[in-house]
Amino acid sequence: MENHFLAYLYRLRYIERWSLMRNVLKENVAEHSFHVSILTHVLCTIANEVYGKQIPTDRAVSMALFHDATEVFTGDIPTPVKHHNPKILSNFREIEQLAAERLLDMVPEPLRNVYDPLIVAKKDADPELKKYVKGADLLDAYLKCVSELSAGNREFAMAKKQIEQSIEAMNMPELDYFLQHLAPSLEKTLDEL
């Protein structure tokens, strides 16, 4: 029997992000998932090495890899649309759950118990690890804004301010450390590095 799980995941490269805004640099969900996974790893490493925590980095990175996997069916619904009102958000969460179940049904049976908590049972996931993935997700959005603004695209100015407020509201020292020590170089050109 054929299983189409990976074939669908590979299609994430066709789902564009930031569809409501003019983009200098196009970004797709596969790229975003890769970046969020890297950023999750960095945030967990900061937590463990700088702040002496014991965050299971590998588990958090696995969660990050699949955090937007359902978008292969739903597309990337822009944040202002999802959060326009509670009813829309609730309906979207239901659609997202159905998409997760559909995707999980494509996983070969012997592998399902590994992918189930990564795809379907996100709401049951460890809240501390979810916070690191959410922080990384926000950082990736922040870095997208920075890159667009550096390219002269003012379209992302307001989004950057809103994302900065969301990052601050998370109250995570790991995010502050990242923004102070790692983020500034991402605003530089190759010749400036």
N, C-alpha and C. Protein backbone atom coordinates (compact mmCIF):
# COMPACT_ATOMS: atom_id res chain seq x y z
N MET A 1 0.83 -1.19 0.00
CA MET A 1 0.00 0.00 0.00
C MET A 1 0.88 1.25 0.00
N GLU A 2 0.54 2.20 -0.84
CA GLU A 2 1.27 3.46 -0.90
C GLU A 2 0.86 4.37 0.25
N ASN A 3 1.86 5.06 0.80
CA ASN A 3 1.60 6.05 1.83
C ASN A 3 2.08 7.40 1.30
N HIS A 4 1.20 8.39 1.31
CA HIS A 4 1.50 9.67 0.68
C HIS A 4 1.97 10.74 1.65
N PHE A 5 2.28 10.33 2.88
CA PHE A 5 2.67 11.27 3.93
C PHE A 5 3.80 12.20 3.49
N LEU A 6 4.93 11.63 3.08
CA LEU A 6 6.08 12.45 2.70
C LEU A 6 5.83 13.23 1.42
N ALA A 7 5.08 12.66 0.50
CA ALA A 7 4.76 13.38 -0.73
C ALA A 7 4.01 14.66 -0.41
N TYR A 8 3.10 14.59 0.57
CA TYR A 8 2.39 15.81 0.97
C TYR A 8 3.30 16.78 1.70
N LEU A 9 4.15 16.28 2.60
CA LEU A 9 5.06 17.17 3.31
C LEU A 9 5.98 17.91 2.34
N TYR A 10 6.42 17.22 1.30
CA TYR A 10 7.28 17.88 0.31
C TYR A 10 6.55 18.97 -0.46
N ARG A 11 5.23 18.92 -0.46
CA ARG A 11 4.44 19.95 -1.14
C ARG A 11 4.36 21.25 -0.34
N LEU A 12 4.86 21.25 0.89
CA LEU A 12 4.88 22.49 1.68
C LEU A 12 5.70 23.57 0.98
N ARG A 13 6.61 23.18 0.10
CA ARG A 13 7.42 24.16 -0.62
C ARG A 13 6.59 24.98 -1.61
N TYR A 14 5.37 24.53 -1.90
CA TYR A 14 4.51 25.27 -2.82
C TYR A 14 3.55 26.21 -2.12
N ILE A 15 3.49 26.17 -0.80
CA ILE A 15 2.57 27.00 -0.04
C ILE A 15 3.31 28.29 0.35
N GLU A 16 2.90 29.39 -0.23
CA GLU A 16 3.56 30.67 0.05
C GLU A 16 3.04 31.29 1.33
N ARG A 17 3.93 31.98 2.02
CA ARG A 17 3.59 32.70 3.24
C ARG A 17 3.45 34.19 2.95
N TRP A 18 2.88 34.92 3.90
CA TRP A 18 2.75 36.38 3.83
C TRP A 18 1.97 36.81 2.58
N SER A 19 0.90 36.11 2.30
CA SER A 19 0.16 36.33 1.05
C SER A 19 -0.56 37.68 0.98
N LEU A 20 -0.81 38.32 2.10
CA LEU A 20 -1.50 39.60 2.08
C LEU A 20 -0.56 40.79 1.87
N MET A 21 0.74 40.51 1.84
CA MET A 21 1.71 41.60 1.79
C MET A 21 2.61 41.47 0.56
N ARG A 22 3.09 42.62 0.10
CA ARG A 22 4.08 42.63 -0.99
C ARG A 22 5.40 42.12 -0.41
N ASN A 23 5.98 41.14 -1.05
CA ASN A 23 7.23 40.54 -0.59
C ASN A 23 8.35 40.80 -1.58
N VAL A 24 9.49 41.23 -1.08
CA VAL A 24 10.70 41.29 -1.90
C VAL A 24 11.26 39.88 -2.03
N LEU A 25 11.25 39.16 -0.91
CA LEU A 25 11.76 37.79 -0.86
C LEU A 25 10.60 36.84 -0.56
N LYS A 26 10.25 36.02 -1.53
CA LYS A 26 9.17 35.04 -1.32
C LYS A 26 9.64 34.00 -0.31
N GLU A 27 8.68 33.49 0.45
CA GLU A 27 8.99 32.46 1.44
C GLU A 27 7.88 31.43 1.39
N ASN A 28 8.26 30.16 1.50
CA ASN A 28 7.25 29.11 1.53
C ASN A 28 7.25 28.41 2.89
N VAL A 29 6.27 27.57 3.11
CA VAL A 29 6.09 26.93 4.42
C VAL A 29 7.24 25.95 4.72
N ALA A 30 7.78 25.31 3.71
CA ALA A 30 8.91 24.40 3.94
C ALA A 30 10.12 25.16 4.47
N GLU A 31 10.42 26.31 3.85
CA GLU A 31 11.53 27.14 4.33
C GLU A 31 11.27 27.61 5.75
N HIS A 32 10.05 28.06 5.97
CA HIS A 32 9.68 28.54 7.31
C HIS A 32 9.85 27.43 8.35
N SER A 33 9.41 26.24 8.04
CA SER A 33 9.54 25.12 8.99
C SER A 33 11.00 24.82 9.30
N PHE A 34 11.84 24.88 8.28
CA PHE A 34 13.28 24.69 8.47
C PHE A 34 13.84 25.77 9.39
N HIS A 35 13.49 27.02 9.12
CA HIS A 35 13.99 28.12 9.94
C HIS A 35 13.49 28.03 11.39
N VAL A 36 12.23 27.70 11.56
CA VAL A 36 11.69 27.58 12.92
C VAL A 36 12.38 26.44 13.66
N SER A 37 12.71 25.37 12.95
CA SER A 37 13.42 24.25 13.59
C SER A 37 14.81 24.67 14.04
N ILE A 38 15.53 25.40 13.18
CA ILE A 38 16.86 25.89 13.56
C ILE A 38 16.75 26.84 14.76
N LEU A 39 15.80 27.77 14.68
CA LEU A 39 15.64 28.75 15.76
C LEU A 39 15.22 28.07 17.06
N THR A 40 14.40 27.04 16.97
CA THR A 40 14.02 26.28 18.17
C THR A 40 15.27 25.65 18.79
N HIS A 41 16.11 25.08 17.94
CA HIS A 41 17.35 24.47 18.44
C HIS A 41 18.21 25.52 19.14
N VAL A 42 18.33 26.68 18.53
CA VAL A 42 19.16 27.75 19.12
C VAL A 42 18.56 28.21 20.45
N LEU A 43 17.24 28.42 20.49
CA LEU A 43 16.61 28.87 21.75
C LEU A 43 16.78 27.84 22.86
N CYS A 44 16.62 26.57 22.53
CA CYS A 44 16.81 25.52 23.55
C CYS A 44 18.26 25.44 23.99
N THR A 45 19.18 25.63 23.05
CA THR A 45 20.60 25.62 23.39
C THR A 45 20.94 26.80 24.31
N ILE A 46 20.39 27.96 24.01
CA ILE A 46 20.57 29.12 24.89
C ILE A 46 20.02 28.81 26.28
N ALA A 47 18.82 28.22 26.32
CA ALA A 47 18.20 27.87 27.60
C ALA A 47 19.11 26.95 28.41
N ASN A 48 19.66 25.95 27.75
CA ASN A 48 20.46 24.95 28.45
C ASN A 48 21.87 25.44 28.79
N GLU A 49 22.52 26.10 27.85
CA GLU A 49 23.92 26.48 28.03
C GLU A 49 24.10 27.81 28.74
N VAL A 50 23.20 28.75 28.53
CA VAL A 50 23.34 30.07 29.14
C VAL A 50 22.57 30.15 30.46
N TYR A 51 21.38 29.57 30.48
CA TYR A 51 20.50 29.71 31.65
C TYR A 51 20.39 28.45 32.50
N GLY A 52 21.17 27.42 32.17
CA GLY A 52 21.25 26.22 33.01
C GLY A 52 19.97 25.39 33.08
N LYS A 53 19.13 25.51 32.08
CA LYS A 53 17.90 24.71 32.05
C LYS A 53 18.19 23.34 31.45
N GLN A 54 17.20 22.48 31.49
CA GLN A 54 17.34 21.15 30.89
C GLN A 54 16.19 20.92 29.92
N ILE A 55 16.20 21.65 28.85
CA ILE A 55 15.15 21.55 27.84
C ILE A 55 15.53 20.43 26.86
N PRO A 56 14.63 19.49 26.60
CA PRO A 56 14.93 18.42 25.63
C PRO A 56 14.90 18.98 24.20
N THR A 57 16.05 19.41 23.76
CA THR A 57 16.19 20.10 22.48
C THR A 57 15.68 19.27 21.32
N ASP A 58 16.06 18.01 21.26
CA ASP A 58 15.65 17.16 20.13
C ASP A 58 14.13 17.07 20.02
N ARG A 59 13.47 16.94 21.14
CA ARG A 59 12.00 16.85 21.13
C ARG A 59 11.38 18.17 20.65
N ALA A 60 11.90 19.27 21.12
CA ALA A 60 11.38 20.57 20.70
C ALA A 60 11.60 20.79 19.20
N VAL A 61 12.76 20.41 18.69
CA VAL A 61 13.05 20.58 17.27
C VAL A 61 12.13 19.70 16.43
N SER A 62 11.83 18.50 16.90
CA SER A 62 10.87 17.63 16.19
C SER A 62 9.50 18.29 16.12
N MET A 63 9.08 18.89 17.22
CA MET A 63 7.80 19.60 17.22
C MET A 63 7.83 20.75 16.21
N ALA A 64 8.94 21.46 16.16
CA ALA A 64 9.07 22.59 15.25
C ALA A 64 9.00 22.16 13.78
N LEU A 65 9.62 21.04 13.47
CA LEU A 65 9.61 20.55 12.09
C LEU A 65 8.20 20.38 11.54
N PHE A 66 7.29 19.96 12.42
CA PHE A 66 5.93 19.64 11.98
C PHE A 66 4.90 20.68 12.40
N HIS A 67 5.34 21.82 12.93
CA HIS A 67 4.39 22.76 13.53
C HIS A 67 3.38 23.33 12.53
N ASP A 68 3.73 23.38 11.26
CA ASP A 68 2.81 23.89 10.24
C ASP A 68 2.50 22.85 9.17
N ALA A 69 2.69 21.58 9.47
CA ALA A 69 2.51 20.52 8.47
C ALA A 69 1.09 20.51 7.89
N THR A 70 0.10 20.85 8.69
CA THR A 70 -1.28 20.82 8.21
C THR A 70 -1.55 21.86 7.12
N GLU A 71 -0.66 22.83 6.99
CA GLU A 71 -0.85 23.85 5.97
C GLU A 71 -0.76 23.30 4.56
N VAL A 72 -0.31 22.06 4.43
CA VAL A 72 -0.31 21.43 3.11
C VAL A 72 -1.75 21.27 2.62
N PHE A 73 -2.71 21.24 3.53
CA PHE A 73 -4.13 21.17 3.17
C PHE A 73 -4.84 22.50 3.35
N THR A 74 -4.48 23.24 4.38
CA THR A 74 -5.20 24.48 4.70
C THR A 74 -4.62 25.70 4.01
N GLY A 75 -3.37 25.60 3.57
CA GLY A 75 -2.66 26.78 3.11
C GLY A 75 -2.22 27.58 4.33
N ASP A 76 -1.52 28.66 4.08
CA ASP A 76 -1.06 29.53 5.16
C ASP A 76 -2.11 30.63 5.32
N ILE A 77 -2.94 30.49 6.32
CA ILE A 77 -3.97 31.49 6.59
C ILE A 77 -3.30 32.64 7.34
N PRO A 78 -3.34 33.85 6.79
CA PRO A 78 -2.68 34.98 7.45
C PRO A 78 -3.22 35.23 8.86
N THR A 79 -2.33 35.61 9.76
CA THR A 79 -2.69 35.86 11.16
C THR A 79 -3.86 36.83 11.30
N PRO A 80 -3.90 37.94 10.57
CA PRO A 80 -5.04 38.85 10.75
C PRO A 80 -6.38 38.20 10.40
N VAL A 81 -6.36 37.24 9.48
CA VAL A 81 -7.60 36.54 9.12
C VAL A 81 -7.98 35.56 10.23
N LYS A 82 -7.02 34.74 10.66
CA LYS A 82 -7.28 33.74 11.72
C LYS A 82 -7.78 34.39 13.00
N HIS A 83 -7.20 35.52 13.34
CA HIS A 83 -7.49 36.15 14.63
C HIS A 83 -8.47 37.32 14.52
N HIS A 84 -9.19 37.37 13.42
CA HIS A 84 -10.15 38.46 13.23
C HIS A 84 -11.23 38.46 14.31
N ASN A 85 -11.70 37.25 14.65
CA ASN A 85 -12.65 37.13 15.76
C ASN A 85 -12.58 35.70 16.29
N PRO A 86 -13.09 35.47 17.50
CA PRO A 86 -12.98 34.15 18.12
C PRO A 86 -13.65 33.03 17.32
N LYS A 87 -14.74 33.33 16.64
CA LYS A 87 -15.44 32.30 15.87
C LYS A 87 -14.59 31.82 14.69
N ILE A 88 -13.96 32.77 13.99
CA ILE A 88 -13.09 32.39 12.87
C ILE A 88 -11.93 31.54 13.39
N LEU A 89 -11.32 31.95 14.50
CA LEU A 89 -10.20 31.20 15.07
C LEU A 89 -10.64 29.79 15.47
N SER A 90 -11.79 29.69 16.11
CA SER A 90 -12.31 28.39 16.52
C SER A 90 -12.56 27.49 15.31
N ASN A 91 -13.16 28.05 14.27
CA ASN A 91 -13.41 27.28 13.05
C ASN A 91 -12.11 26.87 12.39
N PHE A 92 -11.15 27.77 12.39
CA PHE A 92 -9.86 27.43 11.80
C PHE A 92 -9.19 26.29 12.57
N ARG A 93 -9.25 26.35 13.89
CA ARG A 93 -8.64 25.28 14.71
C ARG A 93 -9.30 23.93 14.41
N GLU A 94 -10.60 23.94 14.17
CA GLU A 94 -11.31 22.70 13.82
C GLU A 94 -10.84 22.19 12.45
N ILE A 95 -10.70 23.08 11.49
CA ILE A 95 -10.21 22.71 10.16
C ILE A 95 -8.78 22.17 10.26
N GLU A 96 -7.98 22.83 11.07
CA GLU A 96 -6.59 22.40 11.29
C GLU A 96 -6.54 20.99 11.89
N GLN A 97 -7.44 20.70 12.82
CA GLN A 97 -7.50 19.38 13.45
C GLN A 97 -7.88 18.31 12.41
N LEU A 98 -8.85 18.62 11.57
CA LEU A 98 -9.25 17.68 10.51
C LEU A 98 -8.10 17.44 9.54
N ALA A 99 -7.38 18.49 9.20
CA ALA A 99 -6.22 18.36 8.31
C ALA A 99 -5.15 17.50 8.96
N ALA A 100 -4.94 17.67 10.25
CA ALA A 100 -3.94 16.87 10.98
C ALA A 100 -4.32 15.39 10.95
N GLU A 101 -5.57 15.11 11.19
CA GLU A 101 -6.03 13.71 11.17
C GLU A 101 -5.89 13.11 9.77
N ARG A 102 -6.19 13.91 8.75
CA ARG A 102 -6.04 13.43 7.37
C ARG A 102 -4.58 13.12 7.08
N LEU A 103 -3.68 13.99 7.49
CA LEU A 103 -2.25 13.78 7.26
C LEU A 103 -1.75 12.55 8.02
N LEU A 104 -2.19 12.41 9.25
CA LEU A 104 -1.75 11.26 10.05
C LEU A 104 -2.24 9.94 9.45
N ASP A 105 -3.41 9.94 8.86
CA ASP A 105 -3.93 8.72 8.22
C ASP A 105 -3.03 8.25 7.09
N MET A 106 -2.17 9.10 6.58
CA MET A 106 -1.25 8.74 5.50
C MET A 106 0.05 8.13 5.99
N VAL A 107 0.28 8.18 7.29
CA VAL A 107 1.51 7.64 7.86
C VAL A 107 1.34 6.13 7.99
N PRO A 108 2.34 5.34 7.56
CA PRO A 108 2.25 3.88 7.74
C PRO A 108 2.00 3.54 9.21
N GLU A 109 1.16 2.58 9.43
CA GLU A 109 0.72 2.21 10.78
C GLU A 109 1.87 2.03 11.78
N PRO A 110 2.96 1.34 11.43
CA PRO A 110 4.03 1.15 12.43
C PRO A 110 4.71 2.46 12.86
N LEU A 111 4.54 3.54 12.10
CA LEU A 111 5.19 4.81 12.40
C LEU A 111 4.26 5.82 13.06
N ARG A 112 2.98 5.51 13.08
CA ARG A 112 1.99 6.50 13.52
C ARG A 112 2.17 7.00 14.94
N ASN A 113 2.55 6.12 15.85
CA ASN A 113 2.68 6.57 17.25
C ASN A 113 3.77 7.61 17.41
N VAL A 114 4.74 7.66 16.49
CA VAL A 114 5.80 8.66 16.55
C VAL A 114 5.29 10.00 16.02
N TYR A 115 4.52 9.96 14.92
CA TYR A 115 4.08 11.19 14.28
C TYR A 115 2.79 11.77 14.86
N ASP A 116 2.01 10.94 15.51
CA ASP A 116 0.74 11.42 16.09
C ASP A 116 0.93 12.62 17.02
N PRO A 117 1.83 12.56 18.00
CA PRO A 117 1.97 13.73 18.88
C PRO A 117 2.58 14.95 18.19
N LEU A 118 3.23 14.73 17.06
CA LEU A 118 3.84 15.85 16.34
C LEU A 118 2.85 16.53 15.40
N ILE A 119 1.85 15.80 14.96
CA ILE A 119 0.92 16.33 13.96
C ILE A 119 -0.47 16.59 14.55
N VAL A 120 -1.02 15.60 15.24
CA VAL A 120 -2.41 15.70 15.69
C VAL A 120 -2.52 16.24 17.10
N ALA A 121 -1.75 15.70 17.98
CA ALA A 121 -1.96 15.98 19.41
C ALA A 121 -1.18 17.21 19.88
N LYS A 122 -1.07 18.22 19.04
CA LYS A 122 -0.29 19.41 19.41
C LYS A 122 -0.84 20.07 20.67
N LYS A 123 -2.14 20.05 20.84
CA LYS A 123 -2.71 20.71 22.02
C LYS A 123 -2.34 19.98 23.31
N ASP A 124 -1.96 18.71 23.20
CA ASP A 124 -1.55 17.93 24.37
C ASP A 124 -0.04 18.00 24.61
N ALA A 125 0.66 18.69 23.73
CA ALA A 125 2.12 18.74 23.83
C ALA A 125 2.57 19.50 25.08
N ASP A 126 3.77 19.21 25.49
CA ASP A 126 4.39 19.86 26.64
C ASP A 126 4.34 21.38 26.46
N PRO A 127 3.66 22.10 27.37
CA PRO A 127 3.53 23.56 27.20
C PRO A 127 4.86 24.29 27.20
N GLU A 128 5.83 23.79 27.93
CA GLU A 128 7.14 24.45 27.94
C GLU A 128 7.80 24.33 26.57
N LEU A 129 7.73 23.15 25.96
CA LEU A 129 8.33 22.97 24.64
C LEU A 129 7.56 23.77 23.59
N LYS A 130 6.25 23.81 23.72
CA LYS A 130 5.43 24.61 22.80
C LYS A 130 5.86 26.08 22.84
N LYS A 131 6.24 26.55 24.02
CA LYS A 131 6.67 27.94 24.18
C LYS A 131 7.94 28.21 23.38
N TYR A 132 8.86 27.25 23.36
CA TYR A 132 10.09 27.42 22.58
C TYR A 132 9.80 27.43 21.09
N VAL A 133 8.89 26.56 20.65
CA VAL A 133 8.51 26.54 19.23
C VAL A 133 7.80 27.84 18.86
N LYS A 134 6.90 28.31 19.72
CA LYS A 134 6.20 29.57 19.48
C LYS A 134 7.19 30.74 19.43
N GLY A 135 8.16 30.74 20.35
CA GLY A 135 9.18 31.78 20.34
C GLY A 135 9.97 31.77 19.04
N ALA A 136 10.32 30.57 18.58
CA ALA A 136 11.07 30.44 17.32
C ALA A 136 10.21 30.88 16.14
N ASP A 137 8.93 30.56 16.17
CA ASP A 137 8.00 30.96 15.12
C ASP A 137 7.93 32.49 15.04
N LEU A 138 7.84 33.14 16.19
CA LEU A 138 7.83 34.60 16.23
C LEU A 138 9.16 35.18 15.75
N LEU A 139 10.27 34.56 16.17
CA LEU A 139 11.58 35.03 15.71
C LEU A 139 11.70 34.96 14.20
N ASP A 140 11.19 33.87 13.61
CA ASP A 140 11.27 33.75 12.17
C ASP A 140 10.46 34.85 11.48
N ALA A 141 9.30 35.16 12.03
CA ALA A 141 8.49 36.25 11.49
C ALA A 141 9.22 37.59 11.66
N TYR A 142 9.83 37.78 12.81
CA TYR A 142 10.60 39.00 13.07
C TYR A 142 11.75 39.12 12.05
N LEU A 143 12.47 38.03 11.82
CA LEU A 143 13.60 38.05 10.89
C LEU A 143 13.13 38.26 9.46
N LYS A 144 11.94 37.77 9.12
CA LYS A 144 11.36 38.04 7.80
C LYS A 144 11.13 39.54 7.66
N CYS A 145 10.56 40.15 8.69
CA CYS A 145 10.32 41.60 8.66
C CYS A 145 11.62 42.37 8.52
N VAL A 146 12.63 41.96 9.28
CA VAL A 146 13.94 42.61 9.22
C VAL A 146 14.51 42.53 7.80
N SER A 147 14.43 41.35 7.19
CA SER A 147 15.00 41.19 5.85
C SER A 147 14.23 42.02 4.82
N GLU A 148 12.91 42.07 4.96
CA GLU A 148 12.11 42.88 4.03
C GLU A 148 12.41 44.37 4.21
N LEU A 149 12.50 44.81 5.45
CA LEU A 149 12.81 46.22 5.71
C LEU A 149 14.22 46.56 5.22
N SER A 150 15.17 45.65 5.41
CA SER A 150 16.54 45.88 4.92
C SER A 150 16.59 45.99 3.40
N ALA A 151 15.63 45.34 2.74
CA ALA A 151 15.55 45.40 1.28
C ALA A 151 14.73 46.60 0.81
N GLY A 152 14.35 47.46 1.76
CA GLY A 152 13.63 48.67 1.40
C GLY A 152 12.12 48.52 1.34
N ASN A 153 11.59 47.39 1.77
CA ASN A 153 10.15 47.14 1.72
C ASN A 153 9.50 47.58 3.03
N ARG A 154 8.92 48.77 3.06
CA ARG A 154 8.28 49.31 4.26
C ARG A 154 6.98 48.60 4.61
N GLU A 155 6.52 47.73 3.74
CA GLU A 155 5.28 46.98 3.96
C GLU A 155 5.31 46.22 5.29
N PHE A 156 6.50 45.89 5.75
CA PHE A 156 6.64 45.05 6.94
C PHE A 156 6.92 45.84 8.23
N ALA A 157 6.87 47.15 8.18
CA ALA A 157 7.20 47.97 9.35
C ALA A 157 6.23 47.73 10.50
N MET A 158 4.94 47.75 10.22
CA MET A 158 3.96 47.55 11.28
C MET A 158 4.00 46.12 11.81
N ALA A 159 4.16 45.16 10.92
CA ALA A 159 4.24 43.76 11.34
C ALA A 159 5.43 43.57 12.29
N LYS A 160 6.53 44.21 11.99
CA LYS A 160 7.72 44.10 12.85
C LYS A 160 7.41 44.62 14.26
N LYS A 161 6.75 45.77 14.34
CA LYS A 161 6.40 46.32 15.66
C LYS A 161 5.47 45.38 16.43
N GLN A 162 4.49 44.82 15.75
CA GLN A 162 3.55 43.91 16.41
C GLN A 162 4.25 42.64 16.87
N ILE A 163 5.15 42.13 16.07
CA ILE A 163 5.89 40.92 16.43
C ILE A 163 6.83 41.20 17.60
N GLU A 164 7.46 42.36 17.60
CA GLU A 164 8.32 42.74 18.73
C GLU A 164 7.51 42.76 20.03
N GLN A 165 6.29 43.26 19.98
CA GLN A 165 5.42 43.27 21.17
C GLN A 165 5.07 41.85 21.60
N SER A 166 4.80 40.98 20.64
CA SER A 166 4.49 39.58 20.97
C SER A 166 5.70 38.88 21.58
N ILE A 167 6.87 39.15 21.04
CA ILE A 167 8.10 38.56 21.59
C ILE A 167 8.32 39.05 23.02
N GLU A 168 8.16 40.34 23.24
CA GLU A 168 8.33 40.90 24.58
C GLU A 168 7.32 40.29 25.56
N ALA A 169 6.09 40.08 25.11
CA ALA A 169 5.05 39.53 25.97
C ALA A 169 5.34 38.08 26.37
N MET A 170 6.16 37.38 25.60
CA MET A 170 6.49 35.99 25.96
C MET A 170 7.39 35.94 27.19
N ASN A 171 8.10 37.03 27.46
CA ASN A 171 8.93 37.12 28.66
C ASN A 171 9.91 35.94 28.78
N MET A 172 10.62 35.68 27.68
CA MET A 172 11.60 34.59 27.65
C MET A 172 13.00 35.18 27.55
N PRO A 173 13.85 34.94 28.54
CA PRO A 173 15.22 35.47 28.46
C PRO A 173 15.98 34.94 27.25
N GLU A 174 15.61 33.75 26.78
CA GLU A 174 16.27 33.18 25.61
C GLU A 174 16.03 34.04 24.36
N LEU A 175 14.82 34.58 24.26
CA LEU A 175 14.51 35.46 23.13
C LEU A 175 15.31 36.75 23.22
N ASP A 176 15.41 37.30 24.42
CA ASP A 176 16.20 38.52 24.62
C ASP A 176 17.66 38.28 24.26
N TYR A 177 18.19 37.15 24.70
CA TYR A 177 19.58 36.79 24.40
C TYR A 177 19.78 36.70 22.88
N PHE A 178 18.85 36.02 22.22
CA PHE A 178 18.94 35.88 20.76
C PHE A 178 18.93 37.24 20.09
N LEU A 179 18.01 38.09 20.48
CA LEU A 179 17.89 39.41 19.85
C LEU A 179 19.12 40.28 20.10
N GLN A 180 19.74 40.11 21.25
CA GLN A 180 20.93 40.91 21.57
C GLN A 180 22.18 40.36 20.89
N HIS A 181 22.36 39.04 20.89
CA HIS A 181 23.64 38.46 20.46
C HIS A 181 23.64 37.88 19.04
N LEU A 182 22.49 37.44 18.55
CA LEU A 182 22.47 36.75 17.25
C LEU A 182 21.71 37.49 16.16
N ALA A 183 20.64 38.15 16.49
CA ALA A 183 19.81 38.79 15.48
C ALA A 183 20.49 39.93 14.73
N PRO A 184 21.31 40.76 15.39
CA PRO A 184 21.88 41.91 14.66
C PRO A 184 22.62 41.54 13.38
N SER A 185 23.31 40.42 13.35
CA SER A 185 24.07 40.06 12.14
C SER A 185 23.15 39.70 10.98
N LEU A 186 21.91 39.36 11.28
CA LEU A 186 20.97 38.99 10.22
C LEU A 186 20.45 40.21 9.46
N GLU A 187 20.80 41.40 9.93
CA GLU A 187 20.42 42.63 9.23
C GLU A 187 21.55 43.10 8.30
N LYS A 188 22.66 42.41 8.32
CA LYS A 188 23.83 42.85 7.54
C LYS A 188 23.87 42.20 6.17
N THR A 189 24.53 42.88 5.25
CA THR A 189 24.79 42.30 3.94
C THR A 189 25.96 41.33 4.04
N LEU A 190 26.18 40.56 3.00
CA LEU A 190 27.30 39.61 2.99
C LEU A 190 28.63 40.34 3.19
N ASP A 191 28.78 41.48 2.57
CA ASP A 191 30.03 42.25 2.69
C ASP A 191 30.22 42.81 4.09
N GLU A 192 29.14 43.00 4.85
CA GLU A 192 29.23 43.53 6.20
C GLU A 192 29.50 42.47 7.25
N LEU A 193 29.31 41.22 6.89
CA LEU A 193 29.52 40.13 7.87
C LEU A 193 31.00 39.88 8.13
